N, C-alpha and C. Protein backbone atom coordinates (compact mmCIF):
# COMPACT_ATOMS: atom_id res chain seq x y z
N MET A 1 74.43 50.15 -229.11
CA MET A 1 74.45 48.93 -228.33
C MET A 1 73.92 47.79 -229.19
N SER A 2 74.70 46.75 -229.32
CA SER A 2 74.31 45.59 -230.09
C SER A 2 73.39 44.69 -229.28
N ALA A 3 72.55 43.94 -229.97
CA ALA A 3 71.65 43.03 -229.26
C ALA A 3 72.42 41.95 -228.52
N LEU A 4 73.60 41.60 -229.01
CA LEU A 4 74.38 40.53 -228.37
C LEU A 4 75.07 41.00 -227.10
N THR A 5 74.93 42.25 -226.75
CA THR A 5 75.49 42.73 -225.47
C THR A 5 74.45 42.76 -224.37
N LEU A 6 73.23 42.31 -224.65
CA LEU A 6 72.16 42.27 -223.66
C LEU A 6 72.15 40.90 -222.99
N TRP A 7 71.93 40.90 -221.68
CA TRP A 7 72.01 39.63 -220.93
C TRP A 7 70.91 38.67 -221.34
N TRP A 8 69.73 39.15 -221.63
CA TRP A 8 68.62 38.24 -221.91
C TRP A 8 68.77 37.56 -223.27
N VAL A 9 69.52 38.17 -224.18
CA VAL A 9 69.78 37.52 -225.47
C VAL A 9 70.64 36.28 -225.24
N TRP A 10 71.65 36.42 -224.37
CA TRP A 10 72.51 35.27 -224.05
C TRP A 10 71.73 34.22 -223.28
N GLY A 11 70.80 34.65 -222.42
CA GLY A 11 69.96 33.71 -221.70
C GLY A 11 69.05 32.94 -222.63
N ALA A 12 68.49 33.63 -223.61
CA ALA A 12 67.62 32.96 -224.59
C ALA A 12 68.44 31.99 -225.44
N ALA A 13 69.65 32.40 -225.80
CA ALA A 13 70.52 31.50 -226.57
C ALA A 13 70.86 30.26 -225.75
N ALA A 14 71.11 30.43 -224.46
CA ALA A 14 71.40 29.28 -223.59
C ALA A 14 70.19 28.34 -223.54
N LEU A 15 68.99 28.92 -223.46
CA LEU A 15 67.78 28.11 -223.42
C LEU A 15 67.60 27.33 -224.72
N VAL A 16 67.78 27.98 -225.85
CA VAL A 16 67.65 27.32 -227.14
C VAL A 16 68.69 26.22 -227.30
N LEU A 17 69.93 26.50 -226.90
CA LEU A 17 70.98 25.48 -227.00
C LEU A 17 70.72 24.31 -226.05
N GLY A 18 70.16 24.60 -224.89
CA GLY A 18 69.80 23.54 -223.96
C GLY A 18 68.70 22.64 -224.53
N ILE A 19 67.72 23.24 -225.19
CA ILE A 19 66.65 22.46 -225.83
C ILE A 19 67.23 21.63 -226.97
N LEU A 20 68.12 22.21 -227.75
CA LEU A 20 68.77 21.45 -228.83
C LEU A 20 69.55 20.27 -228.27
N GLU A 21 70.16 20.44 -227.11
CA GLU A 21 70.93 19.35 -226.51
C GLU A 21 70.03 18.17 -226.17
N VAL A 22 68.79 18.45 -225.77
CA VAL A 22 67.85 17.37 -225.47
C VAL A 22 67.48 16.62 -226.75
N LEU A 23 67.41 17.34 -227.87
CA LEU A 23 67.00 16.73 -229.13
C LEU A 23 68.13 16.02 -229.86
N VAL A 24 69.36 16.47 -229.66
CA VAL A 24 70.53 15.91 -230.35
C VAL A 24 71.36 15.14 -229.32
N PRO A 25 71.63 13.88 -229.56
CA PRO A 25 72.37 13.10 -228.56
C PRO A 25 73.85 13.46 -228.51
N GLY A 26 74.44 13.35 -227.32
CA GLY A 26 75.88 13.39 -227.19
C GLY A 26 76.55 14.70 -226.88
N PHE A 27 76.15 15.43 -225.90
CA PHE A 27 76.87 16.61 -225.40
C PHE A 27 77.40 17.54 -226.49
N VAL A 28 76.62 17.73 -227.54
CA VAL A 28 77.08 18.61 -228.61
C VAL A 28 76.86 20.07 -228.27
N PHE A 29 75.68 20.39 -227.76
CA PHE A 29 75.32 21.78 -227.50
C PHE A 29 75.39 22.17 -226.03
N LEU A 30 75.60 21.21 -225.14
CA LEU A 30 75.55 21.51 -223.71
C LEU A 30 76.67 22.46 -223.29
N GLY A 31 77.86 22.29 -223.81
CA GLY A 31 78.96 23.20 -223.49
C GLY A 31 78.67 24.62 -223.95
N PHE A 32 78.08 24.74 -225.14
CA PHE A 32 77.71 26.07 -225.64
C PHE A 32 76.61 26.69 -224.79
N ALA A 33 75.65 25.86 -224.36
CA ALA A 33 74.56 26.36 -223.51
C ALA A 33 75.10 26.85 -222.18
N ILE A 34 76.02 26.12 -221.60
CA ILE A 34 76.62 26.53 -220.33
C ILE A 34 77.42 27.83 -220.53
N GLY A 35 78.16 27.94 -221.63
CA GLY A 35 78.91 29.16 -221.92
C GLY A 35 78.01 30.36 -222.11
N ALA A 36 76.90 30.18 -222.82
CA ALA A 36 75.96 31.28 -223.02
C ALA A 36 75.29 31.68 -221.71
N ALA A 37 74.94 30.70 -220.89
CA ALA A 37 74.33 31.01 -219.59
C ALA A 37 75.32 31.74 -218.69
N ALA A 38 76.59 31.36 -218.74
CA ALA A 38 77.61 32.03 -217.92
C ALA A 38 77.80 33.48 -218.38
N VAL A 39 77.79 33.71 -219.69
CA VAL A 39 77.91 35.09 -220.19
C VAL A 39 76.68 35.90 -219.78
N ALA A 40 75.50 35.30 -219.83
CA ALA A 40 74.28 36.00 -219.41
C ALA A 40 74.38 36.38 -217.94
N LEU A 41 74.86 35.46 -217.11
CA LEU A 41 75.00 35.76 -215.69
C LEU A 41 76.06 36.83 -215.44
N LEU A 42 77.15 36.80 -216.20
CA LEU A 42 78.16 37.84 -216.06
C LEU A 42 77.61 39.21 -216.42
N LEU A 43 76.85 39.27 -217.50
CA LEU A 43 76.28 40.56 -217.91
C LEU A 43 75.21 41.03 -216.94
N LEU A 44 74.42 40.11 -216.40
CA LEU A 44 73.33 40.48 -215.50
C LEU A 44 73.85 40.87 -214.12
N ASN A 45 74.68 40.04 -213.53
CA ASN A 45 75.12 40.26 -212.15
C ASN A 45 76.22 41.30 -212.02
N LEU A 46 77.16 41.28 -212.92
CA LEU A 46 78.28 42.21 -212.81
C LEU A 46 78.04 43.51 -213.56
N GLY A 47 77.08 43.52 -214.46
CA GLY A 47 76.78 44.72 -215.22
C GLY A 47 77.93 45.13 -216.12
N LEU A 48 78.67 44.15 -216.61
CA LEU A 48 79.79 44.45 -217.48
C LEU A 48 79.32 45.04 -218.80
N VAL A 49 80.05 46.00 -219.29
CA VAL A 49 79.78 46.56 -220.61
C VAL A 49 81.01 46.23 -221.46
N LEU A 50 80.87 45.15 -222.23
CA LEU A 50 81.98 44.67 -223.05
C LEU A 50 81.65 44.80 -224.51
N SER A 51 82.68 44.90 -225.32
CA SER A 51 82.45 44.95 -226.77
C SER A 51 82.07 43.56 -227.27
N LEU A 52 81.47 43.50 -228.43
CA LEU A 52 81.01 42.23 -228.98
C LEU A 52 82.16 41.23 -229.18
N PRO A 53 83.31 41.62 -229.74
CA PRO A 53 84.39 40.65 -229.89
C PRO A 53 84.87 40.09 -228.54
N LEU A 54 84.92 40.91 -227.52
CA LEU A 54 85.34 40.44 -226.20
C LEU A 54 84.28 39.50 -225.60
N LEU A 55 83.01 39.81 -225.79
CA LEU A 55 81.95 38.91 -225.33
C LEU A 55 82.01 37.56 -226.02
N LEU A 56 82.25 37.56 -227.32
CA LEU A 56 82.37 36.31 -228.05
C LEU A 56 83.60 35.51 -227.61
N LEU A 57 84.68 36.20 -227.26
CA LEU A 57 85.86 35.53 -226.75
C LEU A 57 85.59 34.89 -225.39
N VAL A 58 84.90 35.62 -224.52
CA VAL A 58 84.53 35.07 -223.21
C VAL A 58 83.60 33.88 -223.39
N PHE A 59 82.63 33.99 -224.29
CA PHE A 59 81.72 32.90 -224.58
C PHE A 59 82.47 31.66 -225.07
N ALA A 60 83.40 31.86 -226.00
CA ALA A 60 84.17 30.73 -226.52
C ALA A 60 85.02 30.08 -225.44
N ALA A 61 85.67 30.88 -224.61
CA ALA A 61 86.52 30.33 -223.55
C ALA A 61 85.68 29.57 -222.51
N LEU A 62 84.55 30.13 -222.11
CA LEU A 62 83.70 29.45 -221.12
C LEU A 62 83.07 28.20 -221.71
N SER A 63 82.71 28.23 -222.98
CA SER A 63 82.14 27.04 -223.62
C SER A 63 83.18 25.92 -223.73
N LEU A 64 84.40 26.28 -224.08
CA LEU A 64 85.47 25.28 -224.14
C LEU A 64 85.75 24.70 -222.77
N LEU A 65 85.80 25.53 -221.76
CA LEU A 65 86.02 25.06 -220.40
C LEU A 65 84.88 24.12 -219.95
N ALA A 66 83.66 24.49 -220.25
CA ALA A 66 82.51 23.64 -219.90
C ALA A 66 82.56 22.32 -220.63
N TRP A 67 82.96 22.33 -221.90
CA TRP A 67 83.04 21.11 -222.68
C TRP A 67 84.12 20.18 -222.11
N ILE A 68 85.25 20.74 -221.72
CA ILE A 68 86.34 19.93 -221.14
C ILE A 68 85.88 19.31 -219.83
N VAL A 69 85.22 20.09 -218.99
CA VAL A 69 84.73 19.57 -217.70
C VAL A 69 83.70 18.47 -217.94
N LEU A 70 82.77 18.68 -218.86
CA LEU A 70 81.77 17.66 -219.17
C LEU A 70 82.40 16.39 -219.72
N ARG A 71 83.39 16.57 -220.56
CA ARG A 71 84.07 15.41 -221.15
C ARG A 71 84.77 14.57 -220.09
N ARG A 72 85.42 15.25 -219.15
CA ARG A 72 86.10 14.53 -218.07
C ARG A 72 85.11 13.89 -217.11
N ALA A 73 83.99 14.55 -216.87
CA ALA A 73 83.01 14.05 -215.90
C ALA A 73 82.21 12.87 -216.44
N PHE A 74 81.89 12.87 -217.72
CA PHE A 74 80.98 11.87 -218.26
C PHE A 74 81.60 10.89 -219.24
N ALA A 75 82.90 10.96 -219.48
CA ALA A 75 83.55 10.06 -220.42
C ALA A 75 83.79 8.70 -219.78
N LEU A 76 83.94 7.69 -220.60
CA LEU A 76 84.32 6.37 -220.10
C LEU A 76 85.75 6.43 -219.60
N PRO A 77 86.09 5.63 -218.60
CA PRO A 77 87.49 5.59 -218.16
C PRO A 77 88.39 5.15 -219.31
N ARG A 78 89.63 5.56 -219.27
CA ARG A 78 90.57 5.24 -220.34
C ARG A 78 90.72 3.73 -220.49
N GLY A 79 90.73 3.29 -221.73
CA GLY A 79 90.91 1.89 -222.02
C GLY A 79 89.63 1.08 -221.94
N GLN A 80 88.57 1.66 -221.45
CA GLN A 80 87.31 0.94 -221.33
C GLN A 80 86.45 1.23 -222.57
N VAL A 81 86.02 0.16 -223.20
CA VAL A 81 85.21 0.29 -224.39
C VAL A 81 83.88 -0.41 -224.13
N THR A 82 82.82 0.20 -224.51
CA THR A 82 81.51 -0.42 -224.36
C THR A 82 81.24 -1.29 -225.58
N ARG A 83 80.98 -2.57 -225.31
CA ARG A 83 80.66 -3.51 -226.39
C ARG A 83 79.32 -4.15 -226.07
N PHE A 84 78.53 -4.34 -227.10
CA PHE A 84 77.24 -4.97 -226.94
C PHE A 84 77.32 -6.37 -227.56
N HIS A 85 76.95 -7.37 -226.77
CA HIS A 85 77.02 -8.74 -227.25
C HIS A 85 75.65 -9.26 -227.68
N ASP A 86 74.61 -8.66 -227.19
CA ASP A 86 73.25 -9.10 -227.51
C ASP A 86 72.53 -7.98 -228.24
N ASP A 87 71.77 -8.38 -229.23
CA ASP A 87 70.95 -7.44 -229.95
C ASP A 87 69.58 -7.37 -229.31
N ILE A 88 69.00 -6.19 -229.28
CA ILE A 88 67.70 -6.01 -228.65
C ILE A 88 66.62 -6.80 -229.40
N ASN A 89 66.84 -7.10 -230.65
CA ASN A 89 65.85 -7.82 -231.47
C ASN A 89 65.96 -9.33 -231.34
N ASP A 90 66.96 -9.83 -230.64
CA ASP A 90 67.12 -11.30 -230.50
C ASP A 90 66.19 -11.84 -229.45
C-alpha cells in the first residue's frame, strides 16, 4: 500500500495547498487543494481502494473541474477590464 492511497495524506496535501493559496495570490493552488480534499473525502467516506495512477487521474480531473468552476465564479465579466486611474501614492 502506497502512502498516496491513504485518505489523510490527501487531506494533509489539501491543507498545505490551501495554506499556499493564502500566501500566493490568484487562485493558483485553490483548485488543487479542492481536488486533494475531494480525493481525501472519496477515500475516507467511500473506502475506495484505487491504484495510484487512478487516484492521480481522479485528482487531476477534480482539480481541473474545481479550477474551471472557480474561474467562472470569480472572473471578471467578458469585455470588462479593471483600470486604475489614480495611484495610491498620489
